[in-house]
Amino acid sequence: MSVPDLAGLRVLVVEDEMMVSMLIEDMLTDLGCIVVGPAARLDEAIALAESEQIDCAVLDVNLGGQPIFPLADILRAKGAPFAFATGYGDAGLRDVDKGSLVLQKPFRETDLARILGELRAKVG
């Protein structure tokens, strides 16, 4: 599988587990992306989404018991594509989010690259 060209893609990272967040940051850097954040809390993530230039986002579905869905709604309204990162597949998603891209945890860099390639294709 060829790795899509992701150089310069600005990716908002929302993940509350520090080690997972660091791993995602390392993967994104290896892929040539620009990391926005990361954010570990919903309020931080919303502030970044509203103040920073982002091309797409990778969203942990559950931030310490708080669902990420308010941010998903903001990103959707802005036209910013995103993928959910979760160990539960689309089982934990709302009906409105069914069919969204899901990055199944745990994942490898090739999985992240594939999802980001799909997100990049949606960037205006």
Protein backbone atom coordinates (compact mmCIF):
# COMPACT_ATOMS: atom_id res chain seq x y z
CA MET A 1 0.00 0.00 0.00
CA SER A 2 1.37 3.40 -0.90
CA VAL A 3 1.27 6.11 1.74
CA PRO A 4 -0.78 9.15 0.69
CA ASP A 5 0.96 12.53 0.54
CA LEU A 6 -0.01 14.15 3.81
CA ALA A 7 2.73 16.79 4.00
CA GLY A 8 1.48 19.97 5.59
CA LEU A 9 -1.95 18.58 6.55
CA ARG A 10 -3.04 20.39 9.75
CA VAL A 11 -4.58 17.75 12.03
CA LEU A 12 -6.36 18.56 15.29
CA VAL A 13 -5.66 15.76 17.77
CA VAL A 14 -8.16 15.21 20.58
CA GLU A 15 -7.14 12.38 22.92
CA ASP A 16 -7.25 12.19 26.72
CA GLU A 17 -4.75 9.35 27.19
CA MET A 18 -1.31 10.98 27.25
CA MET A 19 0.59 7.99 25.88
CA VAL A 20 -1.88 7.49 23.02
CA SER A 21 -1.78 11.21 22.28
CA MET A 22 2.02 11.17 22.11
CA LEU A 23 1.94 8.14 19.83
CA ILE A 24 -0.53 9.85 17.47
CA GLU A 25 1.62 13.00 17.46
CA ASP A 26 4.71 10.94 16.55
CA MET A 27 2.83 9.15 13.76
CA LEU A 28 1.50 12.42 12.36
CA THR A 29 4.96 13.99 12.42
CA ASP A 30 6.39 10.93 10.65
CA LEU A 31 3.69 11.35 7.98
CA GLY A 32 4.60 15.02 7.47
CA CYS A 33 1.48 16.42 9.10
CA ILE A 34 1.28 19.47 11.34
CA VAL A 35 -0.17 18.62 14.75
CA VAL A 36 -2.73 21.05 16.15
CA GLY A 37 -3.06 20.55 19.88
CA PRO A 38 -3.32 17.99 21.21
CA ALA A 39 -6.32 18.58 23.42
CA ALA A 40 -7.24 16.27 26.28
CA ARG A 41 -10.48 17.99 27.29
CA LEU A 42 -13.56 18.99 25.32
CA ASP A 43 -13.29 22.70 26.17
CA GLU A 44 -9.65 22.76 25.00
CA ALA A 45 -10.58 20.98 21.79
CA ILE A 46 -13.44 23.37 21.04
CA ALA A 47 -11.18 26.38 21.68
CA LEU A 48 -8.57 24.99 19.26
CA ALA A 49 -11.20 24.20 16.62
CA GLU A 50 -12.49 27.75 16.84
CA SER A 51 -9.13 29.55 16.96
CA GLU A 52 -6.70 27.48 14.90
CA GLN A 53 -6.53 26.68 11.22
CA ILE A 54 -7.20 22.95 10.83
CA ASP A 55 -7.70 20.75 7.80
CA CYS A 56 -9.13 17.76 9.65
CA ALA A 57 -9.28 16.12 13.06
CA VAL A 58 -8.83 12.82 14.84
CA LEU A 59 -11.29 12.65 17.75
CA ASP A 60 -11.25 10.27 20.69
CA VAL A 61 -14.94 9.51 21.23
CA ASN A 62 -14.75 9.53 25.04
CA LEU A 63 -12.72 12.13 26.93
CA GLY A 64 -12.70 10.97 30.52
CA GLY A 65 -16.38 10.12 30.39
CA GLN A 66 -17.35 13.19 28.36
CA PRO A 67 -18.50 12.49 24.79
CA ILE A 68 -16.78 14.33 21.93
CA PHE A 69 -20.00 14.90 20.00
CA PRO A 70 -20.34 18.68 20.63
CA LEU A 71 -16.98 19.14 18.87
CA ALA A 72 -18.02 16.80 16.05
CA ASP A 73 -21.07 19.01 15.51
CA ILE A 74 -18.89 22.16 15.38
CA LEU A 75 -16.47 20.58 12.90
CA ARG A 76 -19.31 19.30 10.74
CA ALA A 77 -20.86 22.82 10.66
CA LYS A 78 -17.47 24.27 9.65
CA GLY A 79 -17.02 21.66 6.93
CA ALA A 80 -13.88 20.26 8.59
CA PRO A 81 -13.66 16.49 8.04
CA PHE A 82 -12.85 14.26 10.99
CA ALA A 83 -12.46 10.66 12.04
CA PHE A 84 -13.43 9.13 15.35
CA ALA A 85 -10.76 7.12 17.20
CA THR A 86 -12.34 4.44 19.36
CA GLY A 87 -12.00 0.86 20.46
CA TYR A 88 -15.73 0.29 20.00
CA GLY A 89 -16.09 0.82 16.26
CA ASP A 90 -19.22 2.73 15.33
CA ALA A 91 -21.20 1.10 18.19
CA GLY A 92 -20.58 4.11 20.45
CA LEU A 93 -21.57 6.70 17.84
CA ARG A 94 -24.82 8.64 17.59
CA ASP A 95 -27.09 7.95 14.63
CA VAL A 96 -26.00 11.21 12.99
CA ASP A 97 -22.39 10.00 13.15
CA LYS A 98 -22.98 6.52 11.72
CA GLY A 99 -21.04 6.22 8.50
CA SER A 100 -18.30 8.58 9.72
CA LEU A 101 -14.71 7.45 9.36
CA VAL A 102 -13.61 5.40 12.36
CA LEU A 103 -10.02 4.69 13.32
CA GLN A 104 -10.26 1.46 15.30
CA LYS A 105 -8.02 1.48 18.40
CA PRO A 106 -5.40 0.18 18.65
CA PHE A 107 -4.12 1.28 15.25
CA ARG A 108 -0.86 1.44 13.33
CA GLU A 109 0.67 4.31 11.39
CA THR A 110 -0.53 2.75 8.13
CA ASP A 111 -4.12 2.79 9.45
CA LEU A 112 -3.79 6.45 10.43
CA ALA A 113 -2.27 7.30 7.03
CA ARG A 114 -5.15 5.62 5.21
CA ILE A 115 -7.79 7.49 7.23
CA LEU A 116 -5.94 10.79 6.82
CA GLY A 117 -5.74 10.18 3.08
CA GLU A 118 -9.53 9.86 3.03
CA LEU A 119 -9.90 13.01 5.14
CA ARG A 120 -7.48 14.95 2.93
CA ALA A 121 -9.62 14.09 -0.10
CA LYS A 122 -12.53 15.85 1.68
CA VAL A 123 -10.56 19.02 2.49
CA GLY A 124 -11.80 21.95 0.41
